[in-house]
Amino acid sequence: METITTLDYHVVLGTLSVVIGAIAYVPYLRDVFGGTTKPHPFTWLIFALLNGLVFFGQVAEGAGPGSWNTAMTAFACMTLAGAGFYVSRTYIRPFDWLCFAGALLGVVSWVVTKEPLTAIVVATITDALAFLPTIRKAYAHPQTETASLYVLGTAKYVLGIMALQTFNVATVLFPASISIINVFFMCMLFIRRRTLKHPA
């Protein structure tokens, strides 16, 4: 009976993380097609690939329902990558190609190692690298990002961590890293918007 209760606890949290994650993308997509948000295509394409790979790594390490959010995020990121290539191609710079190449190198390293922990460490570093083009773009144009996505995104990853059936570096590292980066990104957006609105 205790086992069933524990399983239900993980399933509920895993499901909640997916629902919150899905809701988070609604205002973002609305703003994309409304013309106010400009997703960086390289960032979201790499996010889609990495989340897909991390999902399989988490499953291999026994993450259980805690990995569901990662799978949903991979699908959502691929959707945003497509939207980004449609509306934001003008934001692509030579630096972004360098980040993209580095991310692809990380993916190749993932495939070669075939070891979940090593692969997830590489994916976590690559994910941070993939965020750089969006950080650069948002620093210059903070109004081109929808802050609620990162607020709810952090919440979904925290719930995803709580839904994990197995806690170890391989299952926790990636979502914890994204949560920290999201918090940093939200702070930057807030500061830059205030600075540009009320210049000294």
C-alpha atoms as a PDB file:
ATOM      1  CA  MET A   1       0.000   0.000   0.000  1.00  0.00           C
ATOM      2  CA  GLU A   2       2.867   2.333   0.808  1.00  0.00           C
ATOM      3  CA  THR A   3       4.436   1.637  -2.602  1.00  0.00           C
ATOM      4  CA  ILE A   4       1.218   2.647  -4.379  1.00  0.00           C
ATOM      5  CA  THR A   5       1.012   5.872  -2.352  1.00  0.00           C
ATOM      6  CA  THR A   6       4.598   6.744  -3.217  1.00  0.00           C
ATOM      7  CA  LEU A   7       3.998   6.020  -6.893  1.00  0.00           C
ATOM      8  CA  ASP A   8       0.852   8.180  -6.871  1.00  0.00           C
ATOM      9  CA  TYR A   9       2.837  11.012  -5.257  1.00  0.00           C
ATOM     10  CA  HIS A  10       5.404  10.940  -8.065  1.00  0.00           C
ATOM     11  CA  VAL A  11       2.767  10.597 -10.766  1.00  0.00           C
ATOM     12  CA  VAL A  12       0.791  13.577  -9.436  1.00  0.00           C
ATOM     13  CA  LEU A  13       3.865  15.813  -9.269  1.00  0.00           C
ATOM     14  CA  GLY A  14       5.101  14.601 -12.657  1.00  0.00           C
ATOM     15  CA  THR A  15       1.725  15.313 -14.225  1.00  0.00           C
ATOM     16  CA  LEU A  16       1.521  18.724 -12.544  1.00  0.00           C
ATOM     17  CA  SER A  17       4.963  19.664 -13.885  1.00  0.00           C
ATOM     18  CA  VAL A  18       3.832  18.775 -17.422  1.00  0.00           C
ATOM     19  CA  VAL A  19       0.590  20.773 -17.072  1.00  0.00           C
ATOM     20  CA  ILE A  20       2.387  23.854 -15.716  1.00  0.00           C
ATOM     21  CA  GLY A  21       5.023  23.517 -18.420  1.00  0.00           C
ATOM     22  CA  ALA A  22       2.397  23.348 -21.157  1.00  0.00           C
ATOM     23  CA  ILE A  23       0.567  26.372 -19.727  1.00  0.00           C
ATOM     24  CA  ALA A  24       3.850  28.300 -19.620  1.00  0.00           C
ATOM     25  CA  TYR A  25       4.225  28.130 -23.389  1.00  0.00           C
ATOM     26  CA  VAL A  26       0.733  29.493 -24.151  1.00  0.00           C
ATOM     27  CA  PRO A  27       1.453  33.212 -23.480  1.00  0.00           C
ATOM     28  CA  TYR A  28       4.888  32.813 -25.080  1.00  0.00           C
ATOM     29  CA  LEU A  29       3.431  31.456 -28.315  1.00  0.00           C
ATOM     30  CA  ARG A  30       0.722  34.135 -28.192  1.00  0.00           C
ATOM     31  CA  ASP A  31       3.392  36.838 -27.954  1.00  0.00           C
ATOM     32  CA  VAL A  32       5.464  35.202 -30.706  1.00  0.00           C
ATOM     33  CA  PHE A  33       2.609  35.262 -33.186  1.00  0.00           C
ATOM     34  CA  GLY A  34       1.546  38.667 -31.870  1.00  0.00           C
ATOM     35  CA  GLY A  35       4.962  40.006 -32.838  1.00  0.00           C
ATOM     36  CA  THR A  36       6.184  41.110 -29.386  1.00  0.00           C
ATOM     37  CA  THR A  37       8.356  38.084 -28.529  1.00  0.00           C
ATOM     38  CA  LYS A  38      11.186  36.966 -30.812  1.00  0.00           C
ATOM     39  CA  PRO A  39      12.512  33.513 -29.834  1.00  0.00           C
ATOM     40  CA  HIS A  40      16.098  32.844 -30.847  1.00  0.00           C
ATOM     41  CA  PRO A  41      15.856  29.842 -33.222  1.00  0.00           C
ATOM     42  CA  PHE A  42      19.261  28.319 -32.425  1.00  0.00           C
ATOM     43  CA  THR A  43      18.644  28.372 -28.695  1.00  0.00           C
ATOM     44  CA  TRP A  44      15.283  26.617 -28.955  1.00  0.00           C
ATOM     45  CA  LEU A  45      16.460  24.072 -31.527  1.00  0.00           C
ATOM     46  CA  ILE A  46      19.337  23.039 -29.287  1.00  0.00           C
ATOM     47  CA  PHE A  47      17.043  23.020 -26.242  1.00  0.00           C
ATOM     48  CA  ALA A  48      14.711  20.634 -28.093  1.00  0.00           C
ATOM     49  CA  LEU A  49      17.542  18.269 -28.964  1.00  0.00           C
ATOM     50  CA  LEU A  50      19.090  18.345 -25.502  1.00  0.00           C
ATOM     51  CA  ASN A  51      15.813  17.853 -23.644  1.00  0.00           C
ATOM     52  CA  GLY A  52      15.036  14.870 -25.864  1.00  0.00           C
ATOM     53  CA  LEU A  53      18.407  13.309 -25.150  1.00  0.00           C
ATOM     54  CA  VAL A  54      18.252  14.075 -21.424  1.00  0.00           C
ATOM     55  CA  PHE A  55      14.790  12.484 -21.270  1.00  0.00           C
ATOM     56  CA  PHE A  56      16.211   9.149 -22.416  1.00  0.00           C
ATOM     57  CA  GLY A  57      19.156   9.544 -20.044  1.00  0.00           C
ATOM     58  CA  GLN A  58      16.831  10.221 -17.115  1.00  0.00           C
ATOM     59  CA  VAL A  59      14.678   7.220 -17.993  1.00  0.00           C
ATOM     60  CA  ALA A  60      17.806   5.040 -18.074  1.00  0.00           C
ATOM     61  CA  GLU A  61      18.699   6.302 -14.584  1.00  0.00           C
ATOM     62  CA  GLY A  62      15.242   5.559 -13.151  1.00  0.00           C
ATOM     63  CA  ALA A  63      13.789   9.086 -13.070  1.00  0.00           C
ATOM     64  CA  GLY A  64      10.212   7.873 -13.599  1.00  0.00           C
ATOM     65  CA  PRO A  65       7.503  10.584 -13.732  1.00  0.00           C
ATOM     66  CA  GLY A  66      10.186  13.189 -13.055  1.00  0.00           C
ATOM     67  CA  SER A  67      11.280  12.779 -16.685  1.00  0.00           C
ATOM     68  CA  TRP A  68       7.862  13.481 -18.232  1.00  0.00           C
ATOM     69  CA  ASN A  69       8.372  17.225 -18.070  1.00  0.00           C
ATOM     70  CA  THR A  70      11.640  16.882 -19.986  1.00  0.00           C
ATOM     71  CA  ALA A  71       9.891  15.048 -22.824  1.00  0.00           C
ATOM     72  CA  MET A  72       7.137  17.675 -23.018  1.00  0.00           C
ATOM     73  CA  THR A  73       9.734  20.436 -23.006  1.00  0.00           C
ATOM     74  CA  ALA A  74      11.555  18.850 -25.955  1.00  0.00           C
ATOM     75  CA  PHE A  75       8.369  18.941 -28.009  1.00  0.00           C
ATOM     76  CA  ALA A  76       7.553  22.532 -26.987  1.00  0.00           C
ATOM     77  CA  CYS A  77      11.096  23.721 -27.725  1.00  0.00           C
ATOM     78  CA  MET A  78      10.983  22.222 -31.213  1.00  0.00           C
ATOM     79  CA  THR A  79       7.766  24.155 -31.828  1.00  0.00           C
ATOM     80  CA  LEU A  80       9.395  27.389 -30.659  1.00  0.00           C
ATOM     81  CA  ALA A  81      12.474  26.713 -32.781  1.00  0.00           C
ATOM     82  CA  GLY A  82      10.248  26.521 -35.859  1.00  0.00           C
ATOM     83  CA  ALA A  83       8.520  29.753 -34.865  1.00  0.00           C
ATOM     84  CA  GLY A  84      11.906  31.358 -34.206  1.00  0.00           C
ATOM     85  CA  PHE A  85      13.251  30.577 -37.674  1.00  0.00           C
ATOM     86  CA  TYR A  86      10.066  32.116 -39.074  1.00  0.00           C
ATOM     87  CA  VAL A  87      10.065  35.379 -37.088  1.00  0.00           C
ATOM     88  CA  SER A  88      13.583  35.925 -35.674  1.00  0.00           C
ATOM     89  CA  ARG A  89      16.163  35.170 -38.335  1.00  0.00           C
ATOM     90  CA  THR A  90      17.480  38.738 -38.114  1.00  0.00           C
ATOM     91  CA  TYR A  91      18.764  37.985 -34.595  1.00  0.00           C
ATOM     92  CA  ILE A  92      21.243  35.341 -35.828  1.00  0.00           C
ATOM     93  CA  ARG A  93      24.863  36.544 -35.541  1.00  0.00           C
ATOM     94  CA  PRO A  94      28.257  34.874 -36.165  1.00  0.00           C
ATOM     95  CA  PHE A  95      28.563  34.335 -32.399  1.00  0.00           C
ATOM     96  CA  ASP A  96      25.352  32.306 -32.524  1.00  0.00           C
ATOM     97  CA  TRP A  97      26.809  29.971 -35.157  1.00  0.00           C
ATOM     98  CA  LEU A  98      29.772  29.420 -32.821  1.00  0.00           C
ATOM     99  CA  CYS A  99      27.400  28.504 -29.975  1.00  0.00           C
ATOM    100  CA  PHE A 100      25.461  26.211 -32.271  1.00  0.00           C
ATOM    101  CA  ALA A 101      28.667  24.436 -33.338  1.00  0.00           C
ATOM    102  CA  GLY A 102      29.667  24.019 -29.702  1.00  0.00           C
ATOM    103  CA  ALA A 103      26.266  22.594 -28.865  1.00  0.00           C
ATOM    104  CA  LEU A 104      26.479  20.087 -31.706  1.00  0.00           C
ATOM    105  CA  LEU A 105      29.901  19.057 -30.435  1.00  0.00           C
ATOM    106  CA  GLY A 106      28.324  18.412 -27.058  1.00  0.00           C
ATOM    107  CA  VAL A 107      25.625  16.262 -28.644  1.00  0.00           C
ATOM    108  CA  VAL A 108      28.267  14.233 -30.497  1.00  0.00           C
ATOM    109  CA  SER A 109      30.103  13.730 -27.201  1.00  0.00           C
ATOM    110  CA  TRP A 110      26.820  12.505 -25.711  1.00  0.00           C
ATOM    111  CA  VAL A 111      26.406   9.893 -28.437  1.00  0.00           C
ATOM    112  CA  VAL A 112      30.029   8.731 -28.217  1.00  0.00           C
ATOM    113  CA  THR A 113      30.132   8.287 -24.430  1.00  0.00           C
ATOM    114  CA  LYS A 114      26.868   6.298 -24.208  1.00  0.00           C
ATOM    115  CA  GLU A 115      27.057   6.724 -20.444  1.00  0.00           C
ATOM    116  CA  PRO A 116      24.083   8.523 -18.826  1.00  0.00           C
ATOM    117  CA  LEU A 117      25.951  10.591 -16.221  1.00  0.00           C
ATOM    118  CA  THR A 118      28.717  11.725 -18.583  1.00  0.00           C
ATOM    119  CA  ALA A 119      26.136  12.428 -21.265  1.00  0.00           C
ATOM    120  CA  ILE A 120      23.952  14.511 -18.953  1.00  0.00           C
ATOM    121  CA  VAL A 121      26.929  16.526 -17.698  1.00  0.00           C
ATOM    122  CA  VAL A 122      27.837  17.289 -21.330  1.00  0.00           C
ATOM    123  CA  ALA A 123      24.194  18.144 -22.093  1.00  0.00           C
ATOM    124  CA  THR A 124      23.993  20.492 -19.090  1.00  0.00           C
ATOM    125  CA  ILE A 125      27.086  22.405 -20.196  1.00  0.00           C
ATOM    126  CA  THR A 126      25.810  22.461 -23.779  1.00  0.00           C
ATOM    127  CA  ASP A 127      22.428  23.742 -22.632  1.00  0.00           C
ATOM    128  CA  ALA A 128      24.071  26.677 -20.859  1.00  0.00           C
ATOM    129  CA  LEU A 129      26.067  27.383 -24.022  1.00  0.00           C
ATOM    130  CA  ALA A 130      22.889  27.262 -26.103  1.00  0.00           C
ATOM    131  CA  PHE A 131      21.288  29.882 -23.865  1.00  0.00           C
ATOM    132  CA  LEU A 132      24.004  32.450 -24.641  1.00  0.00           C
ATOM    133  CA  PRO A 133      22.441  33.716 -27.906  1.00  0.00           C
ATOM    134  CA  THR A 134      19.129  34.320 -26.137  1.00  0.00           C
ATOM    135  CA  ILE A 135      20.884  36.063 -23.219  1.00  0.00           C
ATOM    136  CA  ARG A 136      22.736  38.285 -25.692  1.00  0.00           C
ATOM    137  CA  LYS A 137      19.543  39.091 -27.596  1.00  0.00           C
ATOM    138  CA  ALA A 138      17.479  39.696 -24.460  1.00  0.00           C
ATOM    139  CA  TYR A 139      20.145  41.944 -22.932  1.00  0.00           C
ATOM    140  CA  ALA A 140      19.942  44.227 -25.950  1.00  0.00           C
ATOM    141  CA  HIS A 141      16.177  43.801 -26.481  1.00  0.00           C
ATOM    142  CA  PRO A 142      14.592  42.668 -23.179  1.00  0.00           C
ATOM    143  CA  GLN A 143      11.102  43.387 -24.499  1.00  0.00           C
ATOM    144  CA  THR A 144      11.470  40.508 -27.001  1.00  0.00           C
ATOM    145  CA  GLU A 145      11.083  37.845 -24.289  1.00  0.00           C
ATOM    146  CA  THR A 146       8.014  36.738 -22.307  1.00  0.00           C
ATOM    147  CA  ALA A 147       9.083  36.587 -18.654  1.00  0.00           C
ATOM    148  CA  SER A 148       6.208  34.345 -17.540  1.00  0.00           C
ATOM    149  CA  LEU A 149       7.668  31.446 -19.543  1.00  0.00           C
ATOM    150  CA  TYR A 150      10.774  31.438 -17.361  1.00  0.00           C
ATOM    151  CA  VAL A 151       8.816  31.869 -14.116  1.00  0.00           C
ATOM    152  CA  LEU A 152       6.538  28.913 -14.871  1.00  0.00           C
ATOM    153  CA  GLY A 153       9.444  27.037 -16.459  1.00  0.00           C
ATOM    154  CA  THR A 154      11.346  27.190 -13.193  1.00  0.00           C
ATOM    155  CA  ALA A 155       8.265  25.954 -11.327  1.00  0.00           C
ATOM    156  CA  LYS A 156       7.813  22.987 -13.681  1.00  0.00           C
ATOM    157  CA  TYR A 157      11.451  21.914 -13.299  1.00  0.00           C
ATOM    158  CA  VAL A 158      11.284  22.175  -9.506  1.00  0.00           C
ATOM    159  CA  LEU A 159       8.154  20.007  -9.534  1.00  0.00           C
ATOM    160  CA  GLY A 160       9.891  17.656 -11.949  1.00  0.00           C
ATOM    161  CA  ILE A 161      12.775  17.265  -9.504  1.00  0.00           C
ATOM    162  CA  MET A 162      10.320  16.551  -6.685  1.00  0.00           C
ATOM    163  CA  ALA A 163       8.640  13.909  -8.900  1.00  0.00           C
ATOM    164  CA  LEU A 164      11.865  11.984  -9.467  1.00  0.00           C
ATOM    165  CA  GLN A 165      11.764   8.391  -8.291  1.00  0.00           C
ATOM    166  CA  THR A 166      15.556   8.235  -8.163  1.00  0.00           C
ATOM    167  CA  PHE A 167      17.679  11.129  -6.895  1.00  0.00           C
ATOM    168  CA  ASN A 168      21.240  11.212  -8.205  1.00  0.00           C
ATOM    169  CA  VAL A 169      23.473  13.580 -10.163  1.00  0.00           C
ATOM    170  CA  ALA A 170      22.278  12.152 -13.487  1.00  0.00           C
ATOM    171  CA  THR A 171      18.576  12.776 -12.790  1.00  0.00           C
ATOM    172  CA  VAL A 172      18.854  16.107 -10.908  1.00  0.00           C
ATOM    173  CA  LEU A 173      21.714  18.021 -12.583  1.00  0.00           C
ATOM    174  CA  PHE A 174      19.994  19.089 -15.817  1.00  0.00           C
ATOM    175  CA  PRO A 175      16.684  20.411 -14.375  1.00  0.00           C
ATOM    176  CA  ALA A 176      18.491  22.066 -11.447  1.00  0.00           C
ATOM    177  CA  SER A 177      20.881  23.821 -13.822  1.00  0.00           C
ATOM    178  CA  ILE A 178      18.042  25.100 -16.013  1.00  0.00           C
ATOM    179  CA  SER A 179      16.194  26.391 -12.941  1.00  0.00           C
ATOM    180  CA  ILE A 180      19.239  28.391 -11.824  1.00  0.00           C
ATOM    181  CA  ILE A 181      19.787  29.808 -15.314  1.00  0.00           C
ATOM    182  CA  ASN A 182      16.102  30.756 -15.550  1.00  0.00           C
ATOM    183  CA  VAL A 183      16.294  32.685 -12.278  1.00  0.00           C
ATOM    184  CA  PHE A 184      19.390  34.538 -13.506  1.00  0.00           C
ATOM    185  CA  PHE A 185      17.666  35.275 -16.832  1.00  0.00           C
ATOM    186  CA  MET A 186      14.507  36.611 -15.149  1.00  0.00           C
ATOM    187  CA  CYS A 187      16.581  38.925 -12.961  1.00  0.00           C
ATOM    188  CA  MET A 188      18.454  40.210 -16.010  1.00  0.00           C
ATOM    189  CA  LEU A 189      15.198  40.874 -17.884  1.00  0.00           C
ATOM    190  CA  PHE A 190      13.759  42.778 -14.927  1.00  0.00           C
ATOM    191  CA  ILE A 191      16.893  44.899 -14.461  1.00  0.00           C
ATOM    192  CA  ARG A 192      17.324  45.640 -18.175  1.00  0.00           C
ATOM    193  CA  ARG A 193      13.668  46.590 -18.641  1.00  0.00           C
ATOM    194  CA  ARG A 194      13.849  48.980 -15.703  1.00  0.00           C
ATOM    195  CA  THR A 195      17.142  50.410 -16.923  1.00  0.00           C
ATOM    196  CA  LEU A 196      15.886  51.050 -20.451  1.00  0.00           C
ATOM    197  CA  LYS A 197      12.573  52.426 -19.190  1.00  0.00           C
ATOM    198  CA  HIS A 198      14.224  54.741 -16.660  1.00  0.00           C
ATOM    199  CA  PRO A 199      17.750  55.509 -17.968  1.00  0.00           C
ATOM    200  CA  ALA A 200      20.078  57.263 -15.555  1.00  0.00           C
END
